[in-house]
Amino acid sequence: MQSLINALLSEYFLPFWVLLLVILIERYLPWLDKFHPISFIKVLAIGMQAKVLFVERNSIGQQKISGALACIVLLLPFCSILVVFKYLSVYPVFFEALMLLIALRFKDIIKQTYRVTAALAKQQKMLARHALSQIVLRETQKMSSLGMVKANVESVLLRYSYQYCAVIFWYLITGGVGALTYRLIYELSLCWNNKLLRYKYFGQPVRHVVSVLQWLPSKLACLSIVLAVNISQGSTALFQRSSYQCNHLFILNLCGASLGIELGGPAYYEKQKVRSSKCGGSRPVVLADNTRTIAATDRATWVWLSLYFMGCALSFLVTR
């Protein structure tokens, strides 16, 4: 028994315990959005584009160059400071955990989902639209109840893949500095989303970078949801051609198929209709699918943790 405890407390399992502790803290620690460091980055990003972006005057090439330079100017000082602090830190494990905690922020998405669900349950559509608008880019003013639930489910699945699993992936590969750097790049891509006309070219450079960084972790996130929810239904979507049109559809098709609900379809961005292929399952969404989706992401997180724990155990056994 003592040998087992010693093994679990060894250096091989330390990264697992750090990850587990940070996940639990992020889930239960109340941290107001206005006091979170990520919010500060958003303010800087919005201020930066206001200074350098002049759509009427700049050519397409100039807008792309401005977007790339704005990303570098914002990220380089932060990344340099993070590296220096990590190097000088007396307790590097604590510093790594703190960076992961900052990068892993996902609780606000869950909170807004519960608000949307509660408002729709009371038929308070205006309140539901306002809550939904905090986590989606698309226009919500004219959405039906069905449209709001579908948009909410899609947002949770996409954010879980890009904002949660991708952060954990880069933490396991590169440590806290890499995880926080990825999260900052991702937040810039959200602030300068090229689905909006004014950022169509300005946001392209950071969009290309973040797409490369998200490609593999988003695939692993989808597979974890498939394993956690319904393997037989989710695995069929792997062999459908529509899953490989883009990363966005891959996530929605596999996760929607696992949950058995239809996702995708048209959406409005700045009064412009953007068509997207319908995917996933065959059943239309219902209000209960909001909480089902959150439960699916919770189970998928435990899949990640279980696999990582087995990886740590394997490393320990191999090196004994």
Protein backbone atom coordinates (compact mmCIF):
# COMPACT_ATOMS: atom_id res chain seq x y z
CA MET A 1 0.00 0.00 0.00
CA GLN A 2 2.80 2.41 0.90
CA SER A 3 4.58 1.64 -2.37
CA LEU A 4 1.40 2.48 -4.31
CA ILE A 5 1.09 5.83 -2.52
CA ASN A 6 4.73 6.59 -3.20
CA ALA A 7 4.24 5.75 -6.87
CA LEU A 8 1.18 8.02 -7.17
CA LEU A 9 3.11 10.87 -5.55
CA SER A 10 6.15 10.41 -7.79
CA GLU A 11 7.24 12.84 -10.50
CA TYR A 12 5.55 10.70 -13.16
CA PHE A 13 2.08 11.44 -11.78
CA LEU A 14 2.70 15.04 -10.72
CA PRO A 15 1.52 16.59 -14.05
CA PHE A 16 -1.71 14.58 -13.79
CA TRP A 17 -2.46 15.83 -10.26
CA VAL A 18 -1.72 19.40 -11.34
CA LEU A 19 -4.08 19.09 -14.30
CA LEU A 20 -6.83 17.51 -12.19
CA LEU A 21 -6.52 20.20 -9.51
CA VAL A 22 -6.62 23.05 -12.04
CA ILE A 23 -9.69 21.56 -13.76
CA LEU A 24 -11.51 21.37 -10.43
CA ILE A 25 -10.47 24.89 -9.41
CA GLU A 26 -11.55 26.33 -12.78
CA ARG A 27 -14.93 24.66 -12.43
CA TYR A 28 -15.74 25.78 -8.89
CA LEU A 29 -13.70 28.96 -8.33
CA PRO A 30 -15.82 32.13 -8.75
CA TRP A 31 -13.79 34.47 -10.97
CA LEU A 32 -15.64 37.46 -12.38
CA ASP A 33 -15.05 38.04 -16.07
CA LYS A 34 -14.04 41.69 -15.62
CA PHE A 35 -11.21 40.65 -13.27
CA HIS A 36 -9.90 37.85 -15.47
CA PRO A 37 -6.63 38.44 -17.41
CA ILE A 38 -8.24 37.18 -20.63
CA SER A 39 -10.66 40.12 -20.48
CA PHE A 40 -7.68 42.48 -20.45
CA ILE A 41 -6.38 40.89 -23.65
CA LYS A 42 -9.77 41.36 -25.29
CA VAL A 43 -9.73 45.07 -24.45
CA LEU A 44 -6.23 45.42 -25.90
CA ALA A 45 -7.23 43.54 -29.06
CA ILE A 46 -10.26 45.76 -29.66
CA GLY A 47 -8.19 48.89 -29.02
CA MET A 48 -5.43 47.66 -31.35
CA GLN A 49 -7.74 47.06 -34.30
CA ALA A 50 -9.36 50.46 -33.77
CA LYS A 51 -5.92 52.06 -34.14
CA VAL A 52 -4.61 50.19 -37.17
CA LEU A 53 -7.67 49.06 -39.16
CA PHE A 54 -9.19 51.46 -41.69
CA VAL A 55 -11.27 49.32 -44.02
CA GLU A 56 -12.18 52.17 -46.34
CA ARG A 57 -8.54 53.18 -46.90
CA ASN A 58 -6.50 50.00 -46.69
CA SER A 59 -6.17 47.45 -49.45
CA ILE A 60 -6.74 43.74 -48.83
CA GLY A 61 -3.00 43.11 -48.61
CA GLN A 62 -2.50 45.98 -46.19
CA GLN A 63 -5.30 44.71 -43.96
CA LYS A 64 -3.73 41.23 -43.82
CA ILE A 65 -0.31 42.66 -43.00
CA SER A 66 -1.87 44.91 -40.34
CA GLY A 67 -3.62 41.89 -38.79
CA ALA A 68 -0.40 39.85 -38.68
CA LEU A 69 1.63 42.72 -37.18
CA ALA A 70 -1.08 43.50 -34.63
CA CYS A 71 -1.02 39.88 -33.47
CA ILE A 72 2.77 39.89 -33.12
CA VAL A 73 2.84 43.25 -31.31
CA LEU A 74 0.25 42.06 -28.79
CA LEU A 75 1.62 38.56 -28.18
CA LEU A 76 5.39 39.06 -28.21
CA PRO A 77 5.64 41.10 -24.97
CA PHE A 78 3.27 38.77 -23.10
CA CYS A 79 5.03 35.59 -24.24
CA SER A 80 8.44 37.07 -23.40
CA ILE A 81 7.27 37.97 -19.89
CA LEU A 82 5.81 34.49 -19.37
CA VAL A 83 9.05 32.80 -20.41
CA VAL A 84 11.14 35.04 -18.13
CA PHE A 85 8.85 34.50 -15.16
CA LYS A 86 8.89 30.75 -15.68
CA TYR A 87 12.68 30.76 -15.86
CA LEU A 88 13.03 32.81 -12.66
CA SER A 89 10.23 31.07 -10.76
CA VAL A 90 11.24 29.30 -7.56
CA TYR A 91 8.23 26.98 -7.85
CA PRO A 92 7.79 26.32 -11.59
CA VAL A 93 5.00 23.79 -11.00
CA PHE A 94 2.88 26.44 -9.28
CA PHE A 95 3.56 28.92 -12.09
CA GLU A 96 2.64 26.31 -14.73
CA ALA A 97 -0.60 25.58 -12.88
CA LEU A 98 -1.47 29.28 -12.66
CA MET A 99 -0.96 29.79 -16.41
CA LEU A 100 -3.12 26.74 -17.14
CA LEU A 101 -5.84 28.05 -14.83
CA ILE A 102 -5.89 31.37 -16.68
CA ALA A 103 -5.88 29.69 -20.09
CA LEU A 104 -8.51 27.07 -19.27
CA ARG A 105 -11.39 29.45 -18.55
CA PHE A 106 -14.61 27.78 -19.74
CA LYS A 107 -16.98 28.26 -16.83
CA ASP A 108 -18.57 31.39 -18.33
CA ILE A 109 -19.81 29.34 -21.33
CA ILE A 110 -21.53 26.87 -19.01
CA LYS A 111 -22.99 29.69 -16.92
CA GLN A 112 -24.51 31.42 -19.95
CA THR A 113 -25.90 28.09 -21.20
CA TYR A 114 -27.75 27.59 -17.92
CA ARG A 115 -29.09 31.13 -18.19
CA VAL A 116 -30.37 30.49 -21.72
CA THR A 117 -31.97 27.23 -20.60
CA ALA A 118 -33.66 28.81 -17.58
CA ALA A 119 -34.98 31.75 -19.63
CA LEU A 120 -36.39 29.50 -22.37
CA ALA A 121 -38.02 27.25 -19.77
CA LYS A 122 -39.91 30.34 -18.55
CA GLN A 123 -40.66 31.50 -22.13
CA GLN A 124 -38.50 34.61 -21.60
CA LYS A 125 -37.14 34.79 -25.13
CA MET A 126 -35.66 38.28 -24.91
CA LEU A 127 -33.64 37.31 -21.84
CA ALA A 128 -32.55 34.08 -23.53
CA ARG A 129 -31.42 35.96 -26.66
CA HIS A 130 -29.38 38.36 -24.54
CA ALA A 131 -27.69 35.53 -22.63
CA LEU A 132 -26.98 33.64 -25.86
CA SER A 133 -25.47 36.72 -27.51
CA GLN A 134 -22.69 36.63 -24.90
CA ILE A 135 -21.30 33.35 -26.25
CA VAL A 136 -22.16 33.38 -29.98
CA LEU A 137 -21.14 35.68 -32.79
CA ARG A 138 -24.29 35.27 -34.87
CA GLU A 139 -27.31 37.56 -34.58
CA THR A 140 -29.81 36.42 -31.95
CA GLN A 141 -32.51 39.12 -32.15
CA LYS A 142 -34.85 37.12 -34.40
CA MET A 143 -33.99 33.59 -33.31
CA SER A 144 -36.74 31.15 -32.42
CA SER A 145 -36.54 28.98 -29.32
CA LEU A 146 -35.41 26.06 -31.46
CA GLY A 147 -32.77 28.20 -33.16
CA MET A 148 -31.43 29.43 -29.82
CA VAL A 149 -31.06 25.90 -28.45
CA LYS A 150 -29.27 24.76 -31.61
CA ALA A 151 -26.93 27.75 -31.56
CA ASN A 152 -26.24 27.19 -27.86
CA VAL A 153 -25.44 23.49 -28.34
CA GLU A 154 -23.14 24.28 -31.27
CA SER A 155 -21.37 26.99 -29.26
CA VAL A 156 -20.77 24.66 -26.32
CA LEU A 157 -19.38 21.90 -28.56
CA LEU A 158 -17.13 24.23 -30.55
CA ARG A 159 -15.91 26.15 -27.51
CA TYR A 160 -15.26 22.92 -25.65
CA SER A 161 -13.08 21.71 -28.52
CA TYR A 162 -11.27 24.98 -29.21
CA GLN A 163 -11.27 26.71 -25.83
CA TYR A 164 -10.95 23.79 -23.42
CA CYS A 165 -9.53 20.63 -24.98
CA ALA A 166 -7.06 22.53 -27.17
CA VAL A 167 -5.72 24.34 -24.09
CA ILE A 168 -5.25 21.03 -22.26
CA PHE A 169 -3.59 19.52 -25.34
CA TRP A 170 -1.04 22.32 -25.65
CA TYR A 171 -0.45 22.25 -21.91
CA LEU A 172 0.46 18.55 -22.11
CA ILE A 173 2.72 19.18 -25.10
CA THR A 174 4.36 22.52 -24.26
CA GLY A 175 3.47 23.33 -20.64
CA GLY A 176 1.70 26.36 -19.20
CA VAL A 177 3.44 28.91 -21.44
CA GLY A 178 2.31 27.10 -24.59
CA ALA A 179 -1.24 26.66 -23.28
CA LEU A 180 -1.63 30.34 -22.38
CA THR A 181 -0.02 31.48 -25.64
CA TYR A 182 -2.50 29.36 -27.60
CA ARG A 183 -5.40 30.77 -25.58
CA LEU A 184 -4.27 34.34 -26.31
CA ILE A 185 -4.06 33.59 -30.04
CA TYR A 186 -7.52 32.03 -29.89
CA GLU A 187 -8.97 35.09 -28.13
CA LEU A 188 -7.49 37.36 -30.81
CA SER A 189 -9.16 35.21 -33.48
CA LEU A 190 -12.48 35.69 -31.67
CA CYS A 191 -12.04 39.45 -31.30
CA TRP A 192 -11.05 39.78 -34.97
CA ASN A 193 -13.39 37.09 -36.30
CA ASN A 194 -13.22 37.13 -40.10
CA LYS A 195 -16.89 36.12 -40.36
CA LEU A 196 -17.57 39.80 -39.69
CA LEU A 197 -17.13 42.01 -42.74
CA ARG A 198 -14.85 44.57 -41.06
CA TYR A 199 -12.40 41.79 -40.05
CA LYS A 200 -12.69 39.71 -43.22
CA TYR A 201 -9.05 40.27 -44.20
CA PHE A 202 -7.62 41.78 -41.01
CA GLY A 203 -8.45 38.63 -39.05
CA GLN A 204 -7.24 36.13 -41.65
CA PRO A 205 -3.59 35.76 -40.47
CA VAL A 206 -4.49 34.92 -36.87
CA ARG A 207 -7.34 32.72 -38.11
CA HIS A 208 -4.91 30.65 -40.20
CA VAL A 209 -2.53 30.25 -37.26
CA VAL A 210 -5.23 29.22 -34.80
CA SER A 211 -6.75 26.78 -37.31
CA VAL A 212 -3.43 24.93 -37.51
CA LEU A 213 -3.12 24.86 -33.72
CA GLN A 214 -6.68 23.57 -33.32
CA TRP A 215 -6.64 20.87 -35.97
CA LEU A 216 -5.39 17.90 -33.92
CA PRO A 217 -6.78 18.77 -30.45
CA SER A 218 -10.27 19.41 -31.86
CA LYS A 219 -10.22 15.96 -33.47
CA LEU A 220 -9.25 14.42 -30.13
CA ALA A 221 -11.99 16.42 -28.39
CA CYS A 222 -14.61 15.04 -30.80
CA LEU A 223 -13.41 11.49 -30.29
CA SER A 224 -13.58 11.93 -26.52
CA ILE A 225 -17.23 13.04 -26.79
CA VAL A 226 -17.97 10.09 -29.07
CA LEU A 227 -16.40 7.73 -26.52
CA ALA A 228 -18.29 9.38 -23.66
CA VAL A 229 -21.73 9.54 -25.29
CA ASN A 230 -22.44 7.01 -28.05
CA ILE A 231 -19.67 5.22 -29.90
CA SER A 232 -21.88 3.46 -32.46
CA GLN A 233 -23.69 6.62 -33.59
CA GLY A 234 -20.63 8.85 -33.47
CA SER A 235 -18.34 6.46 -35.33
CA THR A 236 -20.65 6.38 -38.35
CA ALA A 237 -20.01 10.10 -38.88
CA LEU A 238 -16.29 9.37 -39.25
CA PHE A 239 -17.00 7.73 -42.60
CA GLN A 240 -19.19 10.53 -43.97
CA ARG A 241 -17.62 12.84 -46.54
CA SER A 242 -19.35 15.87 -45.03
CA SER A 243 -17.25 15.50 -41.86
CA TYR A 244 -14.11 16.48 -43.76
CA GLN A 245 -15.29 19.67 -45.47
CA CYS A 246 -13.87 21.76 -42.63
CA ASN A 247 -12.94 21.48 -38.97
CA HIS A 248 -16.17 23.18 -37.91
CA LEU A 249 -18.33 20.55 -39.61
CA PHE A 250 -16.16 17.71 -38.34
CA ILE A 251 -16.91 18.72 -34.75
CA LEU A 252 -20.62 19.32 -35.26
CA ASN A 253 -21.19 16.19 -37.35
CA LEU A 254 -19.45 13.78 -34.97
CA CYS A 255 -20.77 15.34 -31.78
CA GLY A 256 -24.25 15.85 -33.20
CA ALA A 257 -24.35 12.23 -34.38
CA SER A 258 -23.27 11.01 -30.93
CA LEU A 259 -25.97 13.09 -29.26
CA GLY A 260 -28.49 12.10 -31.96
CA ILE A 261 -29.44 15.71 -32.76
CA GLU A 262 -29.40 17.72 -35.97
CA LEU A 263 -27.00 20.66 -36.04
CA GLY A 264 -25.83 23.14 -38.66
CA GLY A 265 -27.97 25.18 -41.03
CA PRO A 266 -28.08 28.88 -41.92
CA ALA A 267 -27.00 31.65 -39.54
CA TYR A 268 -26.94 35.46 -39.75
CA TYR A 269 -23.82 37.56 -39.19
CA GLU A 270 -24.28 41.34 -39.48
CA LYS A 271 -27.57 40.77 -41.36
CA GLN A 272 -25.79 38.54 -43.89
CA LYS A 273 -27.09 34.99 -44.22
CA VAL A 274 -24.35 32.35 -44.10
CA ARG A 275 -25.41 28.87 -45.16
CA SER A 276 -23.92 25.82 -43.50
CA SER A 277 -24.61 22.16 -44.20
CA LYS A 278 -26.94 20.38 -41.81
CA CYS A 279 -25.15 17.59 -39.99
CA GLY A 280 -25.19 15.35 -36.96
CA GLY A 281 -28.21 13.22 -36.09
CA SER A 282 -31.76 13.25 -37.41
CA ARG A 283 -33.73 14.49 -34.40
CA PRO A 284 -34.42 18.22 -34.00
CA VAL A 285 -32.97 19.75 -30.85
CA VAL A 286 -35.08 20.29 -27.73
CA LEU A 287 -34.42 22.41 -24.66
CA ALA A 288 -33.08 19.46 -22.67
CA ASP A 289 -30.24 19.09 -25.18
CA ASN A 290 -28.52 22.10 -23.62
CA THR A 291 -27.95 20.23 -20.36
CA ARG A 292 -27.27 16.97 -22.24
CA THR A 293 -24.46 18.69 -24.12
CA ILE A 294 -22.90 20.03 -20.93
CA ALA A 295 -23.10 16.55 -19.39
CA ALA A 296 -21.44 15.13 -22.51
CA THR A 297 -18.52 17.56 -22.21
CA ASP A 298 -18.14 16.68 -18.52
CA ARG A 299 -17.90 12.97 -19.35
CA ALA A 300 -15.50 13.71 -22.21
CA THR A 301 -13.23 15.58 -19.78
CA TRP A 302 -13.08 12.47 -17.60
CA VAL A 303 -12.12 10.49 -20.71
CA TRP A 304 -9.18 12.87 -21.20
CA LEU A 305 -8.16 12.55 -17.55
CA SER A 306 -8.46 8.76 -17.56
CA LEU A 307 -6.34 8.40 -20.67
CA TYR A 308 -3.73 10.79 -19.31
CA PHE A 309 -3.61 8.92 -16.01
CA MET A 310 -3.04 5.66 -17.87
CA GLY A 311 -0.28 7.35 -19.87
CA CYS A 312 1.42 8.49 -16.65
CA ALA A 313 1.08 4.99 -15.20
CA LEU A 314 2.58 3.47 -18.34
CA SER A 315 5.53 5.87 -18.18
CA PHE A 316 6.08 4.92 -14.55
CA LEU A 317 6.00 1.19 -15.30
CA VAL A 318 8.30 1.46 -18.31
CA THR A 319 10.99 3.39 -16.43
CA ARG A 320 10.98 1.23 -13.28
